[in-house]
Amino acid sequence: MTEKLTDNASLRELMTTLQGVQTDFQNGKSNITTVLGSPFLNTDKLDITKTKIETLKSALVNNLIYKGVSASTQSSFTDLINAINFIVQSILIVKCKGTGRIEEVNNPYVIYNDKPNIKGCLRIKGTLEVYKNWATFASARLEIIYGEKKEYIYLSCDATASGRSTNFEKDIIVNNDTQLKIQVLLTDVGTGNSSTAKAYTSVSDVTLLR
């Protein structure tokens, strides 16, 4: 370790200190190079090291974007490394059964309630439908509840159509012990709801992918 000079240090002490600074710097650079590995070399100057770091960072950003993850070279390396959790490999974990017609208002139908037992990004896909039939309108909501967080998907139909459907896709981050619940409910129905052709909502083709 380089020793601190006094105000009246001799030339010999000054040279010794400068040599110590050079040794400390070279040892530090060597340690960093050893940890980082290729393409970094002990002989690289600081500007070369900076260029190599920028090149690697740009490559990491491009790879994340190619995998469908939002990334920027303005982000820190820590943020970019954490973003790897959002990569979805489209490996099927669970395929849920369809709900059928859900006609009762504000009565949640649970599609999935379990721990997926994975760590990282989980993609939830499916189709949400709502039909008003003879009612003036009908509204539905899909709820994705994981840990303390909630995600919602809303769908309504009114006089312009008797029914609507939407394909949904949500990416969430979970841990091995995260409890995940997916449920759907008919939230509201307008006047004119017929007992023979009630308004309803349904969900089909729900899959969990990682």
Protein backbone atom coordinates (compact mmCIF):
# COMPACT_ATOMS: atom_id res chain seq x y z
CA MET A 1 0.00 0.00 0.00
CA THR A 2 1.31 3.48 -0.88
CA GLU A 3 2.38 5.53 2.14
CA LYS A 4 1.36 9.17 2.59
CA LEU A 5 4.12 11.75 2.01
CA THR A 6 4.98 14.50 4.49
CA ASP A 7 5.36 18.14 3.41
CA ASN A 8 9.18 17.96 3.59
CA ALA A 9 9.60 14.56 1.91
CA SER A 10 12.84 13.92 0.04
CA LEU A 11 13.11 13.20 -3.68
CA ARG A 12 13.86 9.56 -2.87
CA GLU A 13 10.67 9.32 -0.80
CA LEU A 14 8.73 10.98 -3.63
CA MET A 15 10.07 8.48 -6.20
CA THR A 16 9.33 5.57 -3.88
CA THR A 17 5.77 6.80 -3.41
CA LEU A 18 5.24 7.23 -7.17
CA GLN A 19 6.53 3.71 -7.77
CA GLY A 20 4.13 2.48 -5.10
CA VAL A 21 1.23 4.26 -6.82
CA GLN A 22 2.18 2.64 -10.12
CA THR A 23 2.40 -0.79 -8.49
CA ASP A 24 -0.94 -0.36 -6.71
CA PHE A 25 -2.58 0.77 -9.95
CA GLN A 26 -1.14 -2.14 -11.94
CA ASN A 27 -2.14 -4.65 -9.26
CA GLY A 28 -5.64 -3.22 -9.14
CA LYS A 29 -5.97 -3.36 -12.92
CA SER A 30 -4.63 -6.92 -12.93
CA ASN A 31 -7.17 -8.00 -10.30
CA ILE A 32 -10.03 -6.46 -12.29
CA THR A 33 -8.81 -8.10 -15.51
CA THR A 34 -8.59 -11.47 -13.75
CA VAL A 35 -12.18 -11.16 -12.54
CA LEU A 36 -13.61 -9.91 -15.85
CA GLY A 37 -11.62 -12.22 -18.11
CA SER A 38 -11.78 -11.93 -21.91
CA PRO A 39 -11.61 -9.54 -23.73
CA PHE A 40 -9.80 -7.53 -21.02
CA LEU A 41 -5.98 -7.64 -20.81
CA ASN A 42 -3.47 -6.47 -18.19
CA THR A 43 -1.79 -4.38 -20.87
CA ASP A 44 -4.96 -2.46 -21.79
CA LYS A 45 -4.85 1.28 -21.25
CA LEU A 46 -7.81 2.96 -19.57
CA ASP A 47 -9.31 4.23 -22.84
CA ILE A 48 -9.14 0.71 -24.31
CA THR A 49 -10.79 -0.73 -21.19
CA LYS A 50 -13.54 1.90 -21.42
CA THR A 51 -14.19 1.05 -25.08
CA LYS A 52 -14.38 -2.68 -24.32
CA ILE A 53 -16.83 -2.09 -21.46
CA GLU A 54 -19.05 0.05 -23.71
CA THR A 55 -18.95 -2.63 -26.43
CA LEU A 56 -19.95 -5.38 -23.99
CA LYS A 57 -22.71 -3.23 -22.52
CA SER A 58 -24.10 -2.50 -25.98
CA ALA A 59 -24.04 -6.22 -26.84
CA LEU A 60 -25.89 -7.05 -23.60
CA VAL A 61 -28.55 -4.42 -24.37
CA ASN A 62 -29.00 -5.73 -27.93
CA ASN A 63 -29.36 -9.31 -26.67
CA LEU A 64 -31.99 -8.27 -24.14
CA ILE A 65 -33.95 -6.35 -26.78
CA TYR A 66 -33.73 -9.35 -29.13
CA LYS A 67 -35.27 -11.47 -26.36
CA GLY A 68 -38.14 -9.00 -26.03
CA VAL A 69 -36.89 -7.21 -22.92
CA SER A 70 -36.78 -3.40 -22.74
CA ALA A 71 -33.17 -2.25 -22.25
CA SER A 72 -30.97 0.81 -22.80
CA THR A 73 -27.24 1.58 -22.78
CA GLN A 74 -28.10 4.37 -20.32
CA SER A 75 -29.04 1.72 -17.74
CA SER A 76 -26.56 0.50 -15.14
CA PHE A 77 -25.02 -2.96 -15.41
CA THR A 78 -26.98 -3.94 -12.29
CA ASP A 79 -30.28 -3.00 -13.94
CA LEU A 80 -29.33 -4.83 -17.15
CA ILE A 81 -28.38 -7.98 -15.24
CA ASN A 82 -31.66 -7.87 -13.32
CA ALA A 83 -33.51 -7.44 -16.63
CA ILE A 84 -32.41 -10.97 -17.58
CA ASN A 85 -35.19 -12.16 -15.25
CA PHE A 86 -37.70 -10.82 -17.78
CA ILE A 87 -36.58 -13.16 -20.58
CA VAL A 88 -39.34 -15.64 -21.41
CA GLN A 89 -38.29 -18.90 -23.08
CA SER A 90 -41.90 -19.94 -23.85
CA ILE A 91 -41.61 -23.16 -21.87
CA LEU A 92 -45.11 -24.31 -20.91
CA ILE A 93 -45.61 -24.58 -17.14
CA VAL A 94 -49.39 -24.86 -16.80
CA LYS A 95 -52.36 -24.94 -19.15
CA CYS A 96 -55.61 -24.08 -17.35
CA LYS A 97 -59.11 -25.29 -18.15
CA GLY A 98 -61.62 -22.85 -19.62
CA THR A 99 -64.10 -21.24 -17.25
CA GLY A 100 -67.31 -21.70 -19.21
CA ARG A 101 -70.03 -19.03 -18.81
CA ILE A 102 -69.85 -16.91 -15.66
CA GLU A 103 -73.20 -15.15 -15.27
CA GLU A 104 -73.28 -14.07 -11.62
CA VAL A 105 -72.11 -10.49 -11.04
CA ASN A 106 -69.15 -9.88 -8.70
CA ASN A 107 -68.62 -13.56 -7.97
CA PRO A 108 -64.96 -14.32 -8.82
CA TYR A 109 -64.22 -17.57 -10.65
CA VAL A 110 -60.73 -18.83 -9.74
CA ILE A 111 -58.82 -20.12 -12.75
CA TYR A 112 -55.49 -20.80 -11.00
CA ASN A 113 -54.38 -20.61 -7.37
CA ASP A 114 -51.00 -22.15 -6.63
CA LYS A 115 -47.25 -21.56 -6.48
CA PRO A 116 -45.67 -21.92 -9.96
CA ASN A 117 -42.39 -22.87 -8.19
CA ILE A 118 -40.15 -20.88 -10.53
CA LYS A 119 -37.98 -17.80 -10.08
CA GLY A 120 -37.94 -15.11 -12.73
CA CYS A 121 -40.35 -13.98 -15.40
CA LEU A 122 -43.68 -15.76 -15.80
CA ARG A 123 -45.83 -15.00 -18.85
CA ILE A 124 -49.60 -15.41 -18.55
CA LYS A 125 -51.58 -15.66 -21.78
CA GLY A 126 -55.21 -16.32 -22.61
CA THR A 127 -58.46 -15.00 -24.05
CA LEU A 128 -61.03 -12.95 -22.12
CA GLU A 129 -64.61 -12.66 -23.43
CA VAL A 130 -67.70 -10.76 -22.32
CA TYR A 131 -71.20 -10.92 -23.86
CA LYS A 132 -74.07 -8.60 -22.93
CA ASN A 133 -76.73 -10.46 -24.97
CA TRP A 134 -80.01 -8.59 -24.23
CA ALA A 135 -78.56 -6.32 -21.55
CA THR A 136 -77.57 -2.73 -22.38
CA PHE A 137 -73.95 -3.43 -21.46
CA ALA A 138 -71.70 -5.86 -19.61
CA SER A 139 -68.23 -5.50 -18.08
CA ALA A 140 -65.67 -8.04 -16.89
CA ARG A 141 -62.30 -8.02 -15.15
CA LEU A 142 -59.47 -10.55 -15.08
CA GLU A 143 -57.35 -10.36 -11.93
CA ILE A 144 -53.77 -11.59 -11.59
CA ILE A 145 -52.73 -11.55 -7.93
CA TYR A 146 -49.16 -12.49 -6.97
CA GLY A 147 -47.67 -11.74 -3.57
CA GLU A 148 -48.70 -8.19 -2.67
CA LYS A 149 -49.16 -7.15 -6.30
CA LYS A 150 -52.18 -7.14 -8.59
CA GLU A 151 -52.63 -6.80 -12.36
CA TYR A 152 -55.99 -6.21 -14.02
CA ILE A 153 -57.38 -6.70 -17.52
CA TYR A 154 -60.72 -5.02 -18.27
CA LEU A 155 -63.22 -5.70 -21.05
CA SER A 156 -66.68 -4.25 -21.75
CA CYS A 157 -69.31 -4.40 -24.46
CA ASP A 158 -72.17 -1.97 -25.07
CA ALA A 159 -74.74 -1.17 -27.75
CA THR A 160 -72.12 -1.29 -30.49
CA ALA A 161 -71.62 -5.05 -30.11
CA SER A 162 -73.30 -7.98 -28.37
CA GLY A 163 -69.94 -9.34 -27.27
CA ARG A 164 -66.21 -8.70 -27.28
CA SER A 165 -63.05 -10.72 -26.76
CA THR A 166 -59.40 -9.87 -26.24
CA ASN A 167 -56.20 -11.89 -26.18
CA PHE A 168 -54.14 -10.91 -23.13
CA GLU A 169 -50.49 -11.35 -22.24
CA LYS A 170 -48.91 -10.32 -18.95
CA ASP A 171 -45.32 -10.74 -17.75
CA ILE A 172 -44.75 -10.86 -14.00
CA ILE A 173 -41.72 -11.55 -11.80
CA VAL A 174 -42.14 -14.31 -9.23
CA ASN A 175 -40.05 -16.26 -6.73
CA ASN A 176 -40.25 -19.95 -5.91
CA ASP A 177 -42.60 -19.26 -3.00
CA THR A 178 -44.86 -16.69 -4.72
CA GLN A 179 -48.55 -17.53 -4.46
CA LEU A 180 -50.29 -16.79 -7.76
CA LYS A 181 -54.03 -16.45 -8.19
CA ILE A 182 -55.79 -15.82 -11.50
CA GLN A 183 -59.51 -15.13 -11.38
CA VAL A 184 -62.23 -13.52 -13.49
CA LEU A 185 -65.53 -11.89 -12.63
CA LEU A 186 -68.46 -10.23 -14.31
CA THR A 187 -68.29 -6.79 -12.70
CA ASP A 188 -71.42 -5.07 -14.01
CA VAL A 189 -74.46 -5.70 -16.22
CA GLY A 190 -76.91 -3.13 -17.59
CA THR A 191 -80.68 -3.26 -17.70
CA GLY A 192 -82.58 -5.74 -19.83
CA ASN A 193 -80.58 -8.79 -18.79
CA SER A 194 -82.68 -11.76 -19.90
CA SER A 195 -83.09 -14.88 -17.79
CA THR A 196 -82.97 -16.98 -20.97
CA ALA A 197 -79.89 -15.30 -22.44
CA LYS A 198 -77.93 -13.79 -19.56
CA ALA A 199 -74.87 -11.62 -19.96
CA TYR A 200 -71.69 -13.51 -19.12
CA THR A 201 -67.91 -13.54 -19.18
CA SER A 202 -65.52 -16.40 -19.84
CA VAL A 203 -61.79 -17.07 -20.08
CA SER A 204 -60.12 -19.69 -22.25
CA ASP A 205 -56.66 -20.90 -23.31
CA VAL A 206 -54.90 -19.63 -20.17
CA THR A 207 -51.27 -20.75 -20.16
CA LEU A 208 -48.32 -20.03 -17.88
CA LEU A 209 -44.96 -19.85 -19.65
CA ARG A 210 -41.41 -19.23 -18.53
